[in-house]
């Protein structure tokens, strides 16, 4: 089970790298001046490729997490809270993808400041998940 745990940590870490960086690309997209088509196209390409790369990382992180859960049978309130946060993270992942599509269609209506705040969510969620898993407060 230590192999499974190790792979879970690797894929969660990799997925989070994407969750940290993709919204930063959205910040940059929101700041592109009108008429900078090459810069916009380059950032959209980066966002699209990163989002597609993040999908399999998320699936593998979830698969190894479920394997751990079934293998060790973790229970308790902390696990329920962690699983609720994982559901929020999966939702955040998909919201990021929807935002990339909005940028592709030229339908973004939010400022770069909004995206900067949006970019902070995965950091807060990661802190909460790590505390739940390590401290097991309830």
Foldseek 3Di string as FASTA:
>chain_A
DVVLVVQLVVLVVVLVVLLLVLLVLVLVLLVDDPPPVVVNVVSLVVNVVSLVVNVVSLVSNVVSVVVCCVVVVDDDPLVVVLVVLNVVVVVLSVVSVVSSVCVVVVNDDDHSVVSVVSSCVSVVSVVSNVCSVPVVPD
